[in-house]
């Protein structure tokens, strides 16, 4: 019996075995990470006799184990080796036997086609913005087609597979091949012309088909011209490009995408037995989903019933919380009042220390002290100035001319009152004033001894 990986543990502490834990973990990982793309470098590559391929995908900081099973490994064209940079697609799972987290891969491609991937995503975003992928633009396939056009290569296994399916399931349907290249430089233009030609033939439906290949091989179906040609067709188109894991822009624009060319043929040539089988499968799936839904709802109802509590218990809890909050409020108010009283006492003490009367008394005492110092300072300053004046008077008296006169010297002055400092300033017969320490004398120059004296000879 399947178990729900998201089922909560019972409140009575459900105990899981290791197998149950790993099983639930695997289901959870595969459900959340159903398909992811991861890029990294291959290491520890192993190829056992079973045909499966195992390796470790790593980058600079981490690594994850990968498993590529035989049926998917056969479709990988790239030669895998250690150190090869690849981009892989798969689901995240868990190997329950060892509890190892791993990737179950369905596609591996070289990491070097990043530019094509970017171009693919850019065109996809552009056309989606224009509404070319909108579901309301899709045309339904005819229930019982009579004439079908096949736009594909005339060589290869694709056309043979399609003819084989119609021959087996609906041999009455008329098939017409509209040949075109499906790879290479000329493929894009030929596909556009072939679609326009097929659309004008009045077919009930068209199949655009090609076999599998690398991203570069399938690139003509990712060109904008092909996408717009598919969109312009009035005839319903089934796109069957590449293998089941390959996706092209033409797939998004076409009315229906088929995973393989054979599947496209089966869509247009449904078999009665297949319809009955599909109906039975859907009935079983519906019955299974209904039972699972009822079981989950029953478990959820049981969990809600256990969680449901009587209102009285909630009221008691709320009353207890109110009492607790009341006690906390009272304690908080008491602490606040106590803190306020302590702060008030500190402020009162600080205010008493800074009372104006005390400051005034200190200032008055200082004023009195300065009043006593001021007369003494003034008297000291006057004495100091008087002593400096007396010293200056004495210094002046020492250098005064009058003091020189007092020592028996005199000063000669000419008629204009200028002092005579040299004998060359006088001439014989000139009258001068001689100033003495006490009084003045009028003198006359008899001889200044500047001219030679001639003595008479005997």
Protein backbone atom coordinates (compact mmCIF):
# COMPACT_ATOMS: atom_id res chain seq x y z
CA UNK A 1 0.00 0.00 0.00
CA UNK A 2 1.38 3.42 -0.98
CA UNK A 3 2.08 5.86 1.82
CA UNK A 4 1.80 9.65 1.61
CA UNK A 5 5.33 11.17 1.94
CA UNK A 6 3.84 14.39 3.34
CA UNK A 7 1.78 12.60 6.01
CA UNK A 8 2.49 14.08 9.43
CA UNK A 9 3.75 11.85 12.20
CA UNK A 10 1.01 10.94 14.63
CA UNK A 11 0.84 12.82 17.88
CA UNK A 12 1.73 9.64 19.72
CA UNK A 13 5.24 9.80 18.17
CA UNK A 14 5.06 7.40 15.25
CA UNK A 15 8.36 5.49 14.98
CA UNK A 16 9.67 4.82 11.48
CA UNK A 17 12.04 2.13 10.36
CA UNK A 18 15.09 3.14 8.35
CA UNK A 19 13.49 1.71 5.20
CA UNK A 20 10.32 3.72 5.78
CA UNK A 21 12.32 6.89 6.38
CA UNK A 22 14.38 6.44 3.21
CA UNK A 23 11.27 5.56 1.21
CA UNK A 24 9.45 8.70 2.30
CA UNK A 25 12.53 10.80 1.67
CA UNK A 26 12.88 9.37 -1.86
CA UNK A 27 9.23 10.08 -2.69
CA UNK A 28 9.55 13.60 -1.34
CA UNK A 29 12.70 14.36 -3.37
CA UNK A 30 11.28 12.89 -6.58
CA UNK A 31 8.04 14.83 -6.15
CA UNK A 32 9.69 18.21 -5.49
CA UNK A 33 12.60 17.84 -7.93
CA UNK A 34 10.88 15.93 -10.73
CA UNK A 35 13.17 17.42 -13.39
CA UNK A 36 16.22 19.66 -12.99
CA UNK A 37 19.15 20.71 -15.17
CA UNK A 38 22.57 20.61 -13.52
CA UNK A 39 25.95 21.56 -14.98
CA UNK A 40 29.29 20.30 -13.73
CA UNK A 41 32.36 18.12 -14.37
CA UNK A 42 32.38 14.31 -14.56
CA UNK A 43 34.57 12.36 -12.15
CA UNK A 44 34.75 8.75 -10.90
CA UNK A 45 33.12 7.45 -14.11
CA UNK A 46 32.11 3.78 -13.92
CA UNK A 47 30.61 1.50 -16.64
CA UNK A 48 29.62 -1.91 -15.18
CA UNK A 49 28.60 -4.86 -17.37
CA UNK A 50 24.92 -4.00 -16.93
CA UNK A 51 25.31 -1.08 -19.35
CA UNK A 52 24.39 1.51 -16.74
CA UNK A 53 26.70 4.48 -16.25
CA UNK A 54 27.58 5.91 -12.85
CA UNK A 55 29.65 9.00 -12.12
CA UNK A 56 30.04 11.96 -9.79
CA UNK A 57 29.09 15.44 -11.02
CA UNK A 58 31.12 18.10 -9.24
CA UNK A 59 32.01 21.77 -9.28
CA UNK A 60 34.52 23.75 -7.23
CA UNK A 61 32.66 23.41 -3.92
CA UNK A 62 30.35 20.37 -4.05
CA UNK A 63 29.52 17.07 -5.76
CA UNK A 64 26.54 14.79 -6.33
CA UNK A 65 26.27 11.14 -7.44
CA UNK A 66 24.57 10.47 -10.80
CA UNK A 67 23.06 7.34 -12.33
CA UNK A 68 22.42 7.02 -16.09
CA UNK A 69 20.58 3.78 -16.78
CA UNK A 70 21.17 1.70 -19.88
CA UNK A 71 18.15 2.80 -21.96
CA UNK A 72 19.09 6.46 -21.51
CA UNK A 73 22.84 5.87 -21.82
CA UNK A 74 22.36 4.46 -25.34
CA UNK A 75 20.97 7.83 -26.50
CA UNK A 76 24.01 9.82 -25.32
CA UNK A 77 26.20 10.53 -28.32
CA UNK A 78 28.95 12.27 -26.42
CA UNK A 79 31.77 10.03 -25.24
CA UNK A 80 31.73 10.41 -21.48
CA UNK A 81 35.04 10.62 -19.64
CA UNK A 82 36.45 12.01 -16.41
CA UNK A 83 36.98 15.78 -16.50
CA UNK A 84 34.32 16.40 -19.20
CA UNK A 85 32.05 19.40 -18.58
CA UNK A 86 28.44 18.37 -19.19
CA UNK A 87 24.89 19.55 -18.61
CA UNK A 88 22.58 16.81 -17.33
CA UNK A 89 18.83 16.53 -16.87
CA UNK A 90 17.05 14.24 -14.45
CA UNK A 91 15.23 13.91 -11.17
CA UNK A 92 16.58 14.06 -7.64
CA UNK A 93 16.18 10.74 -5.86
CA UNK A 94 17.56 8.63 -3.01
CA UNK A 95 19.18 5.20 -3.20
CA UNK A 96 17.28 3.62 -0.34
CA UNK A 97 19.76 0.79 0.21
CA UNK A 98 22.55 3.15 1.29
CA UNK A 99 20.59 6.33 1.93
CA UNK A 100 22.66 8.12 -0.75
CA UNK A 101 21.28 11.26 -2.38
CA UNK A 102 21.66 11.05 -6.19
CA UNK A 103 20.46 12.23 -9.60
CA UNK A 104 18.63 9.77 -11.90
CA UNK A 105 19.50 11.11 -15.36
CA UNK A 106 17.61 10.88 -18.63
CA UNK A 107 19.81 13.17 -20.76
CA UNK A 108 23.47 14.21 -20.89
CA UNK A 109 24.83 16.85 -23.26
CA UNK A 110 28.06 18.84 -23.56
CA UNK A 111 28.15 22.07 -21.59
CA UNK A 112 29.55 23.88 -24.62
CA UNK A 113 26.11 24.50 -26.17
CA UNK A 114 25.36 27.27 -23.70
CA UNK A 115 25.08 29.89 -26.46
CA UNK A 116 22.45 27.81 -28.28
CA UNK A 117 20.57 27.35 -25.03
CA UNK A 118 20.59 31.10 -24.45
CA UNK A 119 19.36 31.74 -28.00
CA UNK A 120 16.68 29.07 -27.52
CA UNK A 121 15.45 30.66 -24.30
CA UNK A 122 15.54 34.17 -25.79
CA UNK A 123 13.42 33.18 -28.81
CA UNK A 124 11.10 31.16 -26.61
CA UNK A 125 10.53 34.18 -24.35
CA UNK A 126 9.98 36.47 -27.36
CA UNK A 127 7.40 34.23 -29.06
CA UNK A 128 5.66 33.51 -25.76
CA UNK A 129 5.35 37.27 -25.24
CA UNK A 130 3.68 37.54 -28.65
CA UNK A 131 1.19 34.81 -27.71
CA UNK A 132 2.32 32.16 -30.20
CA UNK A 133 2.27 29.52 -27.45
CA UNK A 134 -1.16 30.46 -26.09
CA UNK A 135 -3.57 27.56 -25.64
CA UNK A 136 -6.44 29.46 -27.26
CA UNK A 137 -4.50 29.48 -30.55
CA UNK A 138 -4.23 25.70 -30.61
CA UNK A 139 -6.52 23.90 -33.10
CA UNK A 140 -8.00 20.51 -32.18
CA UNK A 141 -6.94 17.47 -34.17
CA UNK A 142 -9.55 15.83 -36.37
CA UNK A 143 -11.14 12.76 -34.82
CA UNK A 144 -11.17 10.79 -38.10
CA UNK A 145 -8.70 12.27 -40.60
CA UNK A 146 -8.75 11.03 -44.23
CA UNK A 147 -5.76 12.89 -45.75
CA UNK A 148 -2.60 13.65 -43.79
CA UNK A 149 0.50 15.49 -44.99
CA UNK A 150 3.91 14.54 -43.61
CA UNK A 151 6.61 17.25 -43.70
CA UNK A 152 9.84 15.34 -43.21
CA UNK A 153 12.89 13.89 -44.89
CA UNK A 154 12.14 11.26 -47.56
CA UNK A 155 15.01 9.13 -46.25
CA UNK A 156 15.55 7.64 -42.84
CA UNK A 157 13.52 5.67 -40.34
CA UNK A 158 11.05 8.46 -39.49
CA UNK A 159 8.87 8.19 -42.57
CA UNK A 160 8.98 4.39 -42.41
CA UNK A 161 7.84 4.40 -38.78
CA UNK A 162 4.93 6.73 -39.55
CA UNK A 163 3.80 4.64 -42.55
CA UNK A 164 4.07 1.48 -40.45
CA UNK A 165 1.84 2.91 -37.72
CA UNK A 166 -0.86 4.05 -40.16
CA UNK A 167 -0.70 0.75 -42.06
CA UNK A 168 -1.29 -1.12 -38.83
CA UNK A 169 -3.85 1.16 -37.19
CA UNK A 170 -5.56 3.10 -40.00
CA UNK A 171 -4.67 1.78 -43.44
CA UNK A 172 -7.53 3.74 -45.07
CA UNK A 173 -5.86 7.12 -44.35
CA UNK A 174 -4.16 8.74 -47.36
CA UNK A 175 -0.59 9.82 -46.57
CA UNK A 176 1.31 12.42 -48.63
CA UNK A 177 4.98 13.18 -48.08
CA UNK A 178 6.09 16.79 -48.55
CA UNK A 179 9.89 16.29 -48.65
CA UNK A 180 12.29 18.70 -47.03
CA UNK A 181 15.74 18.73 -45.49
CA UNK A 182 15.64 18.50 -41.71
CA UNK A 183 19.28 19.31 -40.95
CA UNK A 184 21.88 21.69 -42.34
CA UNK A 185 22.03 25.23 -43.68
CA UNK A 186 19.25 24.81 -46.25
CA UNK A 187 16.88 23.07 -43.86
CA UNK A 188 15.22 26.19 -42.47
CA UNK A 189 14.19 27.63 -45.83
CA UNK A 190 13.05 24.23 -47.14
CA UNK A 191 10.92 23.55 -44.06
CA UNK A 192 9.22 26.96 -44.42
CA UNK A 193 8.43 26.27 -48.10
CA UNK A 194 7.25 22.73 -47.39
CA UNK A 195 4.87 23.92 -44.65
CA UNK A 196 3.37 26.57 -46.92
CA UNK A 197 2.94 24.01 -49.72
CA UNK A 198 1.39 21.39 -47.42
CA UNK A 199 -0.99 23.95 -45.88
CA UNK A 200 -2.32 24.79 -49.35
CA UNK A 201 -3.12 21.11 -50.18
CA UNK A 202 -6.20 20.92 -47.95
CA UNK A 203 -4.97 18.12 -45.66
CA UNK A 204 -6.94 17.24 -42.57
CA UNK A 205 -3.74 17.44 -40.48
CA UNK A 206 0.03 17.80 -40.87
CA UNK A 207 2.89 15.97 -39.16
CA UNK A 208 6.22 17.83 -38.84
CA UNK A 209 8.67 15.04 -38.02
CA UNK A 210 12.38 14.38 -37.54
CA UNK A 211 14.45 11.78 -35.72
CA UNK A 212 16.57 12.44 -32.67
CA UNK A 213 19.89 14.26 -32.60
CA UNK A 214 21.99 16.77 -30.77
CA UNK A 215 20.92 20.34 -30.11
CA UNK A 216 22.89 21.49 -33.15
CA UNK A 217 21.24 18.83 -35.36
CA UNK A 218 17.76 19.93 -34.31
CA UNK A 219 18.49 23.64 -34.44
CA UNK A 220 16.59 24.36 -37.68
CA UNK A 221 13.38 23.61 -35.74
CA UNK A 222 14.36 26.34 -33.25
CA UNK A 223 14.59 29.05 -35.92
CA UNK A 224 12.11 31.94 -35.78
CA UNK A 225 11.18 31.53 -39.46
CA UNK A 226 10.08 27.92 -38.91
CA UNK A 227 8.14 28.89 -35.78
CA UNK A 228 6.23 31.61 -37.65
CA UNK A 229 5.59 29.28 -40.59
CA UNK A 230 4.04 26.73 -38.20
CA UNK A 231 1.93 29.48 -36.64
CA UNK A 232 0.76 30.67 -40.08
CA UNK A 233 -0.60 27.25 -41.09
CA UNK A 234 -4.38 26.90 -41.01
CA UNK A 235 -4.12 23.11 -40.95
CA UNK A 236 -3.69 21.49 -37.50
CA UNK A 237 -0.05 20.47 -37.01
CA UNK A 238 1.47 17.76 -34.84
CA UNK A 239 5.15 18.40 -34.07
CA UNK A 240 7.28 15.28 -33.56
CA UNK A 241 10.88 16.47 -33.52
CA UNK A 242 13.59 14.33 -31.92
CA UNK A 243 13.24 11.88 -29.08
CA UNK A 244 10.87 12.14 -26.17
CA UNK A 245 13.34 14.27 -24.16
CA UNK A 246 14.04 16.72 -27.03
CA UNK A 247 12.06 19.97 -27.04
CA UNK A 248 12.06 22.53 -29.88
CA UNK A 249 10.45 25.90 -30.51
CA UNK A 250 8.31 24.24 -33.19
CA UNK A 251 6.87 21.97 -30.47
CA UNK A 252 5.60 24.99 -28.53
CA UNK A 253 4.03 26.67 -31.57
CA UNK A 254 2.42 23.54 -33.03
CA UNK A 255 -1.10 22.60 -32.06
CA UNK A 256 0.04 19.29 -30.51
CA UNK A 257 3.49 17.99 -29.52
CA UNK A 258 4.22 14.29 -29.85
CA UNK A 259 7.23 12.75 -28.09
CA UNK A 260 8.21 10.72 -31.20
CA UNK A 261 7.14 10.49 -34.85
CA UNK A 262 5.46 7.15 -34.15
CA UNK A 263 3.50 8.75 -31.32
CA UNK A 264 2.39 11.52 -33.71
CA UNK A 265 1.06 8.88 -36.09
CA UNK A 266 -0.75 7.17 -33.26
CA UNK A 267 -2.41 10.47 -32.26
CA UNK A 268 -3.93 10.81 -35.75
CA UNK A 269 -4.74 7.12 -36.10
CA UNK A 270 -6.18 6.11 -32.75
CA UNK A 271 -6.97 2.44 -32.29
CA UNK A 272 -10.21 1.38 -30.68
CA UNK A 273 -8.40 -1.01 -28.39
CA UNK A 274 -6.05 1.80 -27.32
CA UNK A 275 -9.02 4.01 -26.55
CA UNK A 276 -10.60 1.33 -24.39
CA UNK A 277 -7.29 0.67 -22.66
CA UNK A 278 -6.77 4.40 -22.06
CA UNK A 279 -10.29 4.75 -20.72
CA UNK A 280 -9.69 1.86 -18.34
CA UNK A 281 -6.39 3.39 -17.27
CA UNK A 282 -8.08 6.70 -16.62
CA UNK A 283 -10.84 4.96 -14.67
CA UNK A 284 -8.27 3.22 -12.49
CA UNK A 285 -6.32 6.42 -11.98
CA UNK A 286 -9.51 8.26 -11.02
CA UNK A 287 -10.49 5.51 -8.60
CA UNK A 288 -7.00 5.50 -7.12
CA UNK A 289 -6.91 9.31 -6.81
CA UNK A 290 -10.36 9.32 -5.23
CA UNK A 291 -9.34 6.73 -2.65
CA UNK A 292 -6.12 8.57 -1.91
CA UNK A 293 -8.00 11.85 -1.56
CA UNK A 294 -10.50 10.28 0.81
CA UNK A 295 -7.69 8.70 2.82
CA UNK A 296 -5.79 12.00 3.09
CA UNK A 297 -8.96 13.84 4.02
CA UNK A 298 -9.72 11.21 6.67
CA UNK A 299 -6.22 11.57 8.12
CA UNK A 300 -6.53 15.37 8.03
CA UNK A 301 -9.94 15.19 9.72
CA UNK A 302 -8.48 12.92 12.38
CA UNK A 303 -5.60 15.34 12.94
CA UNK A 304 -7.98 18.29 13.17
CA UNK A 305 -10.15 16.35 15.60
CA UNK A 306 -7.16 15.74 17.86
CA UNK A 307 -6.13 19.38 17.65
CA UNK A 308 -9.65 20.59 18.46
CA UNK A 309 -9.92 21.77 22.06
CA UNK A 310 -12.93 22.68 24.23
CA UNK A 311 -13.50 26.47 24.45
CA UNK A 312 -13.31 26.23 28.24
CA UNK A 313 -9.67 25.11 28.03
CA UNK A 314 -8.85 28.05 25.79
CA UNK A 315 -10.62 30.42 28.22
CA UNK A 316 -8.68 28.94 31.14
CA UNK A 317 -5.42 29.43 29.25
CA UNK A 318 -6.39 33.01 28.44
CA UNK A 319 -7.39 33.67 32.08
CA UNK A 320 -4.06 32.28 33.25
CA UNK A 321 -2.26 34.48 30.73
CA UNK A 322 -4.23 37.53 31.95
CA UNK A 323 -3.21 36.76 35.55
CA UNK A 324 0.41 36.39 34.48
CA UNK A 325 0.30 39.67 32.59
CA UNK A 326 -1.32 41.39 35.59
CA UNK A 327 1.48 40.21 37.89
CA UNK A 328 4.11 41.31 35.38
CA UNK A 329 2.40 44.71 35.08
CA UNK A 330 2.35 45.21 38.84
CA UNK A 331 6.02 44.27 39.12
CA UNK A 332 6.87 46.59 36.26
CA UNK A 333 4.97 49.49 37.88
CA UNK A 334 6.71 48.87 41.23
CA UNK A 335 10.11 48.82 39.51
CA UNK A 336 9.23 51.99 37.64
CA UNK A 337 8.13 53.77 40.84
CA UNK A 338 11.23 52.62 42.72
CA UNK A 339 13.45 53.83 39.91
CA UNK A 340 11.58 57.16 39.89
CA UNK A 341 12.03 57.64 43.64
CA UNK A 342 15.74 56.90 43.43
CA UNK A 343 16.18 59.33 40.55
CA UNK A 344 14.19 62.02 42.42
CA UNK A 345 16.42 61.60 45.46
CA UNK A 346 19.56 61.94 43.33
CA UNK A 347 18.21 65.07 41.66
CA UNK A 348 17.24 66.56 45.04
CA UNK A 349 20.76 65.95 46.32
CA UNK A 350 22.26 67.55 43.23
CA UNK A 351 19.89 70.52 43.55
CA UNK A 352 20.85 71.04 47.20
CA UNK A 353 24.53 71.00 46.24
CA UNK A 354 23.88 73.65 43.58
CA UNK A 355 21.59 75.99 45.67
CA UNK A 356 21.99 79.74 44.70
CA UNK A 357 22.49 80.85 48.33
CA UNK A 358 25.60 78.75 48.64
CA UNK A 359 26.95 80.05 45.37
CA UNK A 360 26.20 83.64 46.45
CA UNK A 361 28.02 83.14 49.77
CA UNK A 362 31.06 81.80 47.92
CA UNK A 363 30.98 84.73 45.49
CA UNK A 364 30.61 87.25 48.37
CA UNK A 365 33.57 85.74 50.17
CA UNK A 366 35.61 85.93 47.00
CA UNK A 367 34.56 89.59 46.49
CA UNK A 368 35.70 90.49 50.00
CA UNK A 369 39.01 88.78 49.40
CA UNK A 370 39.48 90.64 46.13
CA UNK A 371 38.49 93.93 47.88
CA UNK A 372 41.30 93.38 50.38
CA UNK A 373 43.81 92.51 47.67
CA UNK A 374 42.99 95.54 45.46
CA UNK A 375 44.43 98.39 47.77
CA UNK A 376 47.53 96.34 48.48
CA UNK A 377 48.01 95.64 44.81
CA UNK A 378 47.56 99.32 43.96
CA UNK A 379 50.09 100.45 46.60
CA UNK A 380 52.57 97.83 45.48
CA UNK A 381 52.12 98.93 41.88
CA UNK A 382 52.65 102.59 42.84
CA UNK A 383 55.81 101.77 44.79
CA UNK A 384 57.12 99.76 41.87
CA UNK A 385 56.39 102.62 39.45
CA UNK A 386 58.01 105.18 41.76
CA UNK A 387 61.12 103.05 42.04
CA UNK A 388 61.26 102.73 38.24
CA UNK A 389 60.85 106.54 37.91
CA UNK A 390 63.68 107.23 40.33
CA UNK A 391 65.94 104.80 38.48
CA UNK A 392 65.11 106.45 35.19
CA UNK A 393 65.76 109.93 36.67
CA UNK A 394 69.12 108.81 37.92
CA UNK A 395 69.94 107.24 34.54
CA UNK A 396 68.85 110.46 32.80
CA UNK A 397 70.90 112.59 35.16
CA UNK A 398 73.97 110.50 34.46
CA UNK A 399 73.71 111.07 30.72
CA UNK A 400 72.45 114.66 31.00
CA UNK A 401 74.74 117.45 29.64
CA UNK A 402 74.10 119.42 32.80
CA UNK A 403 75.79 116.74 34.81
CA UNK A 404 78.76 117.01 32.46
CA UNK A 405 78.85 120.74 33.04
CA UNK A 406 78.83 120.15 36.76
CA UNK A 407 82.13 118.33 36.41
CA UNK A 408 83.84 121.48 35.06
CA UNK A 409 83.03 121.20 31.38
CA UNK A 410 81.32 123.79 29.24
CA UNK A 411 79.31 123.85 26.00
CA UNK A 412 80.16 126.31 23.22
CA UNK A 413 77.27 127.64 21.22
CA UNK A 414 77.42 129.79 18.04
CA UNK A 415 75.15 132.73 17.26
CA UNK A 416 72.35 130.39 16.18
CA UNK A 417 72.61 128.33 19.40
CA UNK A 418 74.22 125.29 17.73
CA UNK A 419 76.79 123.35 19.67
CA UNK A 420 80.40 123.62 18.49
CA UNK A 421 81.89 120.15 18.19
CA UNK A 422 84.94 120.85 16.01
CA UNK A 423 87.41 123.75 15.60
CA UNK A 424 86.55 123.81 11.90
CA UNK A 425 83.11 125.18 12.81
CA UNK A 426 84.74 128.50 14.04
CA UNK A 427 86.86 131.22 12.61
CA UNK A 428 89.08 133.74 14.36
CA UNK A 429 87.25 136.67 15.79
CA UNK A 430 83.95 134.78 16.08
CA UNK A 431 81.99 135.31 19.24
CA UNK A 432 80.66 132.28 21.04
CA UNK A 433 78.64 131.59 24.16
CA UNK A 434 80.16 129.26 26.73
CA UNK A 435 77.56 127.63 28.90
CA UNK A 436 78.80 126.56 32.30
CA UNK A 437 77.27 124.63 35.11
CA UNK A 438 76.30 127.95 36.56
CA UNK A 439 75.83 130.85 34.13
CA UNK A 440 77.25 131.70 30.69
CA UNK A 441 80.34 133.48 29.28
CA UNK A 442 80.81 135.44 26.09
CA UNK A 443 84.12 134.49 24.46
CA UNK A 444 85.90 135.35 21.24
CA UNK A 445 87.92 133.04 19.11
CA UNK A 446 91.44 134.27 18.79
CA UNK A 447 92.80 131.40 16.83
CA UNK A 448 91.40 128.02 15.80
CA UNK A 449 94.79 126.66 14.82
CA UNK A 450 93.64 125.64 11.42
CA UNK A 451 96.01 127.90 9.47
CA UNK A 452 99.83 127.71 9.83
CA UNK A 453 101.49 130.33 12.02
CA UNK A 454 104.30 132.32 10.51
CA UNK A 455 106.97 133.39 12.98
CA UNK A 456 109.26 136.30 12.16
CA UNK A 457 112.92 135.41 11.87
CA UNK A 458 115.67 137.44 13.45
